[in-house]
Protein backbone atom coordinates (compact mmCIF):
# COMPACT_ATOMS: atom_id res chain seq x y z
CA MET A 1 -21.28 371.77 -96.08
CA THR A 2 -21.94 373.87 -99.19
CA VAL A 3 -19.66 373.42 -102.17
CA LYS A 4 -18.84 376.60 -104.02
CA PRO A 5 -18.78 377.86 -106.64
CA LEU A 6 -22.11 376.52 -107.84
CA LEU A 7 -22.60 376.21 -111.58
CA LYS A 8 -25.06 378.64 -113.09
CA LEU A 9 -27.06 378.27 -116.29
CA ALA A 10 -25.34 380.43 -118.89
CA LEU A 11 -26.98 382.48 -121.63
CA CYS A 12 -25.40 381.60 -124.95
CA ARG A 13 -26.02 384.80 -126.88
CA GLY A 14 -23.29 385.46 -129.40
CA THR A 15 -21.57 382.10 -128.89
CA ASP A 16 -23.32 380.08 -131.61
CA CYS A 17 -24.84 377.80 -128.96
CA PRO A 18 -26.60 374.91 -130.77
CA THR A 19 -30.37 374.71 -130.52
CA GLY A 20 -31.45 372.46 -127.65
CA SER A 21 -28.17 372.86 -125.77
CA SER A 22 -27.74 373.94 -122.17
CA ILE A 23 -24.57 375.21 -120.50
CA TRP A 24 -23.77 375.58 -116.80
CA VAL A 25 -20.64 377.52 -115.81
CA ALA A 26 -18.94 378.42 -112.53
CA PRO A 27 -19.21 382.20 -112.00
CA LEU A 28 -15.45 382.78 -112.19
CA TRP A 29 -15.39 381.14 -115.62
CA LYS A 30 -18.37 382.90 -117.12
CA ASN A 31 -16.83 384.88 -119.95
CA HIS A 32 -17.36 385.04 -123.68
CA ASP A 33 -14.10 383.32 -124.69
CA PHE A 34 -14.64 380.37 -122.37
CA LEU A 35 -18.25 379.93 -123.54
CA ARG A 36 -16.97 379.69 -127.10
CA LEU A 37 -14.75 376.78 -126.05
CA LEU A 38 -17.77 374.99 -124.57
CA VAL A 39 -19.72 375.11 -127.82
CA SER A 40 -16.75 373.93 -129.88
CA GLY A 41 -16.51 370.31 -130.88
CA PRO A 42 -13.63 368.09 -129.75
CA ASP A 43 -12.07 368.11 -133.22
CA ASP A 44 -11.91 371.92 -133.18
CA LEU A 45 -10.49 372.08 -129.67
CA ALA A 46 -7.86 369.48 -130.50
CA GLN A 47 -6.37 371.93 -133.03
CA ARG A 48 -5.75 374.62 -130.41
CA PRO A 49 -2.14 375.23 -129.28
CA GLY A 50 -1.19 373.13 -126.28
CA CYS A 51 -4.23 370.85 -126.50
CA GLU A 52 -3.54 367.15 -125.98
CA VAL A 53 -5.87 364.26 -126.83
CA LEU A 54 -5.74 361.65 -124.06
CA PRO A 55 -6.42 357.90 -124.32
CA THR A 56 -9.86 356.92 -123.07
CA VAL A 57 -12.69 354.43 -123.49
CA PRO A 58 -15.09 354.19 -126.48
CA ASN A 59 -17.84 356.80 -126.79
CA THR A 60 -15.81 359.43 -124.96
CA THR A 61 -13.14 361.95 -125.95
CA VAL A 62 -10.83 363.53 -123.38
CA LEU A 63 -8.72 366.63 -124.05
CA ARG A 64 -6.24 368.40 -121.79
CA MET A 65 -5.42 372.02 -122.52
CA PRO A 66 -4.16 375.18 -120.83
CA CYS A 67 -6.73 377.92 -120.27
CA LEU A 68 -6.57 381.14 -118.23
CA ASP A 69 -3.52 380.06 -116.23
CA ASN A 70 -5.10 376.68 -115.44
CA THR A 71 -5.04 373.22 -116.94
CA LEU A 72 -8.49 372.00 -117.91
CA TYR A 73 -9.83 368.58 -118.88
CA PHE A 74 -12.63 368.50 -121.45
CA LYS A 75 -14.49 365.18 -121.42
CA TYR A 76 -17.05 364.64 -124.19
CA PHE A 77 -19.63 361.89 -123.72
CA LYS A 78 -21.68 360.35 -126.50
CA ALA A 79 -24.89 358.48 -125.74
CA GLU A 80 -24.07 354.82 -126.31
CA THR A 81 -27.55 353.57 -127.25
CA GLU A 82 -30.94 354.93 -128.23
CA TRP A 83 -32.24 353.91 -124.81
CA GLY A 84 -29.35 355.80 -123.19
CA ARG A 85 -30.31 358.91 -125.12
CA ILE A 86 -33.93 358.60 -124.01
CA ARG A 87 -32.98 358.10 -120.35
CA ALA A 88 -30.75 361.17 -120.44
CA MET A 89 -33.79 363.29 -121.27
CA TRP A 90 -35.18 362.90 -117.75
CA ARG A 91 -32.28 361.85 -115.50
CA GLY A 92 -29.64 364.17 -116.97
CA SER A 93 -26.72 363.57 -119.27
CA ARG A 94 -23.59 361.69 -118.26
CA ALA A 95 -21.79 365.01 -117.74
CA TYR A 96 -24.62 366.29 -115.56
CA ARG A 97 -24.57 363.13 -113.44
CA ALA A 98 -20.76 363.37 -113.12
CA TRP A 99 -21.18 366.94 -111.84
CA GLN A 100 -23.75 365.80 -109.26
CA GLY A 101 -21.49 362.93 -108.19
CA ALA A 102 -18.54 365.30 -107.79
CA ARG A 103 -20.65 367.65 -105.67
CA LEU A 104 -21.71 364.77 -103.44
CA LEU A 105 -18.09 363.78 -102.83
CA LEU A 106 -16.95 367.35 -102.16
CA GLU A 107 -19.82 367.97 -99.77
CA HIS A 108 -18.48 365.13 -97.63
CA GLY A 109 -14.86 366.28 -97.77
CA LEU A 110 -13.77 363.69 -100.34
CA ASN A 111 -11.36 364.73 -103.10
CA THR A 112 -12.30 364.89 -106.77
CA PRO A 113 -11.56 367.36 -109.59
CA GLU A 114 -13.58 370.57 -109.39
CA VAL A 115 -16.15 370.94 -112.15
CA VAL A 116 -16.11 374.37 -113.79
CA ALA A 117 -18.64 373.78 -116.58
CA ILE A 118 -20.94 371.28 -118.21
CA ALA A 119 -22.77 371.42 -121.53
CA GLU A 120 -25.37 369.08 -122.91
CA CYS A 121 -27.44 368.64 -126.02
CA LYS A 122 -30.48 366.52 -125.26
CA GLY A 123 -32.58 364.62 -127.72
CA THR A 124 -32.98 361.19 -129.26
CA GLY A 125 -30.80 361.82 -132.29
CA ARG A 126 -27.20 360.73 -132.73
CA GLY A 127 -26.08 364.33 -132.18
CA ASN A 128 -26.82 363.91 -128.49
CA PHE A 129 -23.71 364.61 -126.41
CA SER A 130 -22.58 366.11 -123.14
CA LEU A 131 -19.38 367.79 -121.99
CA LEU A 132 -17.75 367.92 -118.56
CA VAL A 133 -14.95 370.42 -117.89
CA THR A 134 -12.82 370.04 -114.76
CA LEU A 135 -9.72 371.57 -113.24
CA GLU A 136 -6.57 369.50 -113.00
CA ILE A 137 -5.99 367.79 -109.66
CA SER A 138 -2.77 366.37 -108.20
CA GLY A 139 -2.21 362.65 -108.25
CA ILE A 140 -1.40 359.61 -110.38
CA PRO A 141 -3.87 356.82 -111.18
CA LEU A 142 -3.36 354.03 -108.66
CA ARG A 143 -2.80 351.45 -111.41
CA THR A 144 -0.05 353.59 -113.00
CA TYR A 145 1.53 354.50 -109.66
CA LEU A 146 1.88 350.87 -108.59
CA ARG A 147 3.29 349.79 -111.94
CA GLU A 148 5.85 352.60 -112.16
CA GLN A 149 6.97 352.91 -108.54
CA GLN A 150 7.60 349.22 -107.79
CA LEU A 151 7.12 349.90 -104.09
CA ALA A 152 8.99 347.97 -101.43
CA PRO A 153 6.71 345.55 -99.53
CA GLY A 154 6.51 347.74 -96.44
CA ARG A 155 5.55 350.88 -98.33
CA GLN A 156 3.09 348.95 -100.46
CA ALA A 157 1.44 347.71 -97.26
CA ARG A 158 1.25 351.28 -95.89
CA LEU A 159 -0.33 352.46 -99.13
CA ALA A 160 -2.88 349.64 -99.01
CA SER A 161 -3.77 350.43 -95.40
CA ALA A 162 -4.19 354.13 -96.20
CA LEU A 163 -6.40 353.26 -99.15
CA GLY A 164 -8.48 350.93 -96.97
CA LEU A 165 -9.12 353.80 -94.55
CA GLU A 166 -10.01 356.12 -97.43
CA ILE A 167 -12.54 353.73 -98.98
CA ALA A 168 -13.98 353.06 -95.51
CA ARG A 169 -14.46 356.83 -95.15
CA LEU A 170 -16.23 356.95 -98.53
CA HIS A 171 -18.58 354.10 -97.61
CA GLY A 172 -18.97 355.46 -94.08
CA CYS A 173 -20.70 358.47 -95.68
CA CYS A 174 -23.14 355.97 -97.26
CA ILE A 175 -21.66 356.90 -100.64
CA THR A 176 -20.49 354.45 -103.30
CA HIS A 177 -18.46 355.24 -106.40
CA GLY A 178 -19.91 352.69 -108.81
CA ASP A 179 -16.80 352.36 -111.00
CA LEU A 180 -14.03 352.11 -108.43
CA HIS A 181 -11.33 350.37 -110.43
CA PRO A 182 -7.65 351.26 -109.83
CA GLY A 183 -7.61 353.68 -112.77
CA ASN A 184 -10.28 355.86 -111.15
CA VAL A 185 -8.41 356.44 -107.89
CA LEU A 186 -5.62 359.02 -107.85
CA VAL A 187 -2.82 358.68 -105.30
CA GLU A 188 -0.39 361.38 -104.18
CA GLU A 189 2.52 360.93 -101.80
CA LYS A 190 2.42 363.06 -98.66
CA GLY A 191 5.86 362.90 -97.09
CA LYS A 192 7.69 359.64 -96.48
CA GLN A 193 4.78 357.82 -94.86
CA GLY A 194 1.52 359.38 -95.97
CA PHE A 195 -0.75 359.29 -99.02
CA SER A 196 -3.79 361.22 -100.19
CA PHE A 197 -6.43 360.06 -102.65
CA ALA A 198 -8.94 361.50 -105.11
CA TYR A 199 -11.70 360.01 -107.24
CA LEU A 200 -12.23 360.27 -111.01
CA ASP A 201 -15.23 359.42 -113.24
CA THR A 202 -17.98 360.39 -110.82
CA GLU A 203 -21.05 359.83 -112.97
CA ARG A 204 -22.03 356.70 -110.99
CA VAL A 205 -21.34 358.17 -107.54
CA SER A 206 -24.49 357.90 -105.44
CA LYS A 207 -26.10 357.33 -102.07
CA PRO A 208 -27.85 354.03 -102.88
CA GLY A 209 -29.89 353.83 -99.67
CA THR A 210 -31.26 350.35 -99.02
CA LYS A 211 -29.00 348.93 -101.76
CA LEU A 212 -25.86 350.26 -100.04
CA ASN A 213 -24.33 346.87 -99.20
CA ARG A 214 -24.69 345.59 -102.75
CA HIS A 215 -23.02 348.72 -104.13
CA ILE A 216 -20.23 348.49 -101.54
CA ILE A 217 -19.48 344.94 -102.68
CA LYS A 218 -19.30 346.18 -106.26
CA ASP A 219 -16.82 348.93 -105.30
CA LEU A 220 -14.58 346.54 -103.40
CA SER A 221 -14.68 343.86 -106.07
CA LEU A 222 -13.63 346.41 -108.70
CA LEU A 223 -10.61 347.37 -106.60
CA ASN A 224 -9.74 343.69 -106.21
CA HIS A 225 -8.51 343.36 -109.78
CA PRO A 226 -6.67 340.03 -110.19
CA ASN A 227 -4.54 341.36 -113.05
CA LEU A 228 -2.73 343.80 -110.75
CA GLY A 229 0.18 341.42 -110.37
CA TYR A 230 2.32 344.08 -108.69
CA ILE A 231 -0.03 344.05 -105.67
CA SER A 232 1.13 341.52 -103.12
CA GLN A 233 -1.27 339.33 -101.19
CA ARG A 234 0.01 341.00 -98.03
CA ALA A 235 -0.97 344.42 -99.35
CA ARG A 236 -4.43 343.22 -100.32
CA LEU A 237 -4.94 341.89 -96.81
CA CYS A 238 -3.63 345.14 -95.28
CA PHE A 239 -6.26 346.99 -97.31
CA LEU A 240 -9.03 344.73 -96.05
CA LYS A 241 -7.84 344.83 -92.45
CA ALA A 242 -7.80 348.65 -92.44
CA TYR A 243 -11.18 348.78 -94.16
CA VAL A 244 -12.83 346.32 -91.75
CA GLN A 245 -11.33 347.94 -88.65
CA ALA A 246 -12.52 351.38 -89.78
CA ASN A 247 -16.05 349.99 -90.22
CA SER A 248 -16.76 348.98 -86.65
CA GLY A 249 -20.34 348.15 -87.58
CA LEU A 250 -19.21 345.16 -89.60
CA GLY A 251 -18.51 343.09 -86.48
CA ASP A 252 -18.90 339.36 -87.12
CA THR A 253 -20.08 340.00 -90.67
CA ALA A 254 -16.50 340.75 -91.79
CA ARG A 255 -15.92 337.16 -92.93
CA VAL A 256 -19.14 337.23 -94.92
CA LEU A 257 -18.04 340.51 -96.48
CA LEU A 258 -14.69 339.04 -97.54
CA ARG A 259 -16.40 335.99 -99.01
CA ASP A 260 -18.84 338.16 -100.95
CA ILE A 261 -16.02 340.32 -102.28
CA GLU A 262 -14.13 337.25 -103.50
CA GLN A 263 -17.24 335.83 -105.18
CA ALA A 264 -18.11 339.16 -106.81
CA SER A 265 -14.52 339.60 -108.03
CA ALA A 266 -14.42 336.08 -109.48
CA LYS A 267 -17.72 336.66 -111.26
CA ARG A 268 -16.68 340.07 -112.60
CA TYR A 269 -13.24 339.05 -113.87
CA GLY A 270 -14.01 335.47 -114.84
CA ARG A 271 -11.36 333.87 -112.65
CA LYS A 272 -10.82 332.85 -109.05
CA THR A 273 -9.17 335.44 -106.83
CA GLU A 274 -7.37 335.06 -103.54
CA PHE A 275 -8.52 338.24 -101.82
CA SER A 276 -9.65 336.53 -98.64
CA LYS A 277 -7.10 333.74 -98.52
CA GLY A 278 -5.46 333.61 -95.13
CA SER A 279 -7.60 336.44 -93.70
CA ALA A 280 -8.89 336.25 -90.20
């Protein structure tokens, strides 16, 4: 499956493109006004009418703004360390890797926001940065959805089962997310019974090959966040049951998988979890 439109390297003539910068833009977005936005800093964009600065993690800035009858998300990444800046010189910036991760998901029919542009300024100096621009996609972060909706036990179990099938589909493509916490999964209701899902923050998405099982355990342990008190034990077990049943190749290793998930979760979050308690 080919994902279109592909991003094309843009010529920056007349847009004050900084020396050492590169810009890739989807063909439908390749116009002078949009290129000017890409070479603007986050502080300048934040002053534009309708632009909203969103909460995010350190070393990133996220803006949401209307543009050409669409809503766009501008995510600026800063290199966190000198070693990170050096690595980006040969493996690509964080924005570039997020674009590649998004393409990998879309090529396998998995939902994620469409990337319309990336920009990067490589080098070892502190001015090193990269920018990812995506279209808005429907859905609410899973963490927010669960907290706000206060689902009845039956619907919570149906959501967990649907999510288990979705993550099994992701891993069935030999793809792992790498940062699969509940804030990076969007959920959208589809009628009274159904749900659809999409993935955010795709810079760690990969096909890890021989290390697949280790990366799968990481994904599942991230989803098993013990601080999600509004997730019942029943729902957690419904998720695992759906996931294991959808992965027929697990066979008798399912118990080992559950044990490994519990151990990885306890190590990651510094406390004992009860993910596998009572599971068959």
